[in-house]
Structure formats: C-alpha cells, structure tokens
Amino acid sequence: METSNRDSIIAYCLAPLKESLNLDANSEATRETMRRLDHALKTFQSQAGRPVAVDFSKMPSLVINEAAHGYE
C-alpha cells in the first residue's frame, strides 16, 4: 500500500468527524492525528507481511451523538 492510498484511508476514516465536529484540517491536532493514523497503518502493513484489502462499503456508518456525551 503506498502513501497516497494510506492518505485516502485516513481521509475516509476522519470524514464523519470533520463534518460533525467541524474539525479544522489545518490545525496541529488534526495533523498529529493524521500522522498517528499513518504510523499505525504503516506498522500494521509491515506486520501483516502482505497487502490487506478492506472493503469500506460493507462497514456500518458511525453516528456520533454529541448530546449523549454532553457536547451540544
């Protein structure tokens, strides 16, 4: 898996959070989160020893209920 593919996976995973929490894509916290996710993916890939396919279309959507956590 090359870097651009990892970037696509990270963007896909963060999309619900960016929309619901209005995350700033240019903030240091967002950049650090992306660096950590990239590192986690690289580590997973190196330990797997072979490419691993993930079909995101079969994954259920995640809905964050901010009111349930007191973040209204």
Protein backbone atom coordinates (compact mmCIF):
# COMPACT_ATOMS: atom_id res chain seq x y z
CA MET A 1 0.00 0.00 0.00
CA GLU A 2 1.52 3.30 -1.00
CA THR A 3 1.29 6.63 0.81
CA SER A 4 -1.48 8.06 -1.37
CA ASN A 5 -3.62 5.01 -0.60
CA ARG A 6 -2.98 5.45 3.14
CA ASP A 7 -3.98 9.09 2.79
CA SER A 8 -7.27 8.01 1.20
CA ILE A 9 -7.96 5.56 4.02
CA ILE A 10 -7.23 8.20 6.66
CA ALA A 11 -9.42 10.78 4.91
CA TYR A 12 -12.25 8.23 4.72
CA CYS A 13 -11.96 7.44 8.43
CA LEU A 14 -11.84 11.08 9.52
CA ALA A 15 -14.65 12.32 7.24
CA PRO A 16 -17.50 11.79 9.76
CA LEU A 17 -15.55 13.58 12.47
CA LYS A 18 -14.66 16.52 10.25
CA GLU A 19 -18.32 17.05 9.39
CA SER A 20 -19.89 16.50 12.81
CA LEU A 21 -17.22 18.21 14.93
CA ASN A 22 -16.20 20.89 12.42
CA LEU A 23 -12.54 19.91 12.64
CA ASP A 24 -10.03 22.31 11.15
CA ALA A 25 -7.99 20.38 8.59
CA ASN A 26 -5.06 22.75 9.13
CA SER A 27 -4.93 22.53 12.93
CA GLU A 28 -1.95 20.94 14.67
CA ALA A 29 -4.26 18.43 16.39
CA THR A 30 -5.67 17.24 13.05
CA ARG A 31 -2.19 16.97 11.51
CA GLU A 32 -0.96 15.00 14.56
CA THR A 33 -3.98 12.68 14.32
CA MET A 34 -3.20 12.06 10.64
CA ARG A 35 0.48 11.38 11.45
CA ARG A 36 -0.52 8.86 14.11
CA LEU A 37 -3.00 7.09 11.84
CA ASP A 38 -0.38 6.95 9.08
CA HIS A 39 2.11 5.41 11.53
CA ALA A 40 -0.49 2.86 12.69
CA LEU A 41 -1.24 1.86 9.09
CA LYS A 42 2.47 1.55 8.23
CA THR A 43 3.05 -0.61 11.31
CA PHE A 44 0.07 -2.82 10.51
CA GLN A 45 1.24 -3.23 6.91
CA SER A 46 4.76 -4.17 7.95
CA GLN A 47 3.47 -6.75 10.47
CA ALA A 48 0.92 -8.21 8.05
CA GLY A 49 3.68 -9.01 5.57
CA ARG A 50 1.27 -8.82 2.65
CA PRO A 51 -1.31 -6.37 1.30
CA VAL A 52 -4.61 -6.46 3.13
CA ALA A 53 -7.80 -5.41 1.35
CA VAL A 54 -10.53 -3.58 3.25
CA ASP A 55 -13.98 -3.09 1.76
CA PHE A 56 -15.29 0.07 3.41
CA SER A 57 -18.63 -0.24 1.62
CA LYS A 58 -19.55 -3.15 3.91
CA MET A 59 -18.75 -1.26 7.11
CA PRO A 60 -21.66 0.28 9.01
CA SER A 61 -21.76 4.05 9.32
CA LEU A 62 -20.70 5.60 12.60
CA VAL A 63 -23.01 8.23 14.02
CA ILE A 64 -21.74 10.40 16.86
CA ASN A 65 -24.42 11.50 19.29
CA GLU A 66 -22.84 14.60 20.79
CA ALA A 67 -25.83 15.25 23.08
CA ALA A 68 -25.30 11.85 24.74
CA HIS A 69 -21.79 12.95 25.72
CA GLY A 70 -22.76 16.44 26.85
CA TYR A 71 -21.27 18.21 23.80
CA GLU A 72 -24.24 20.14 22.48
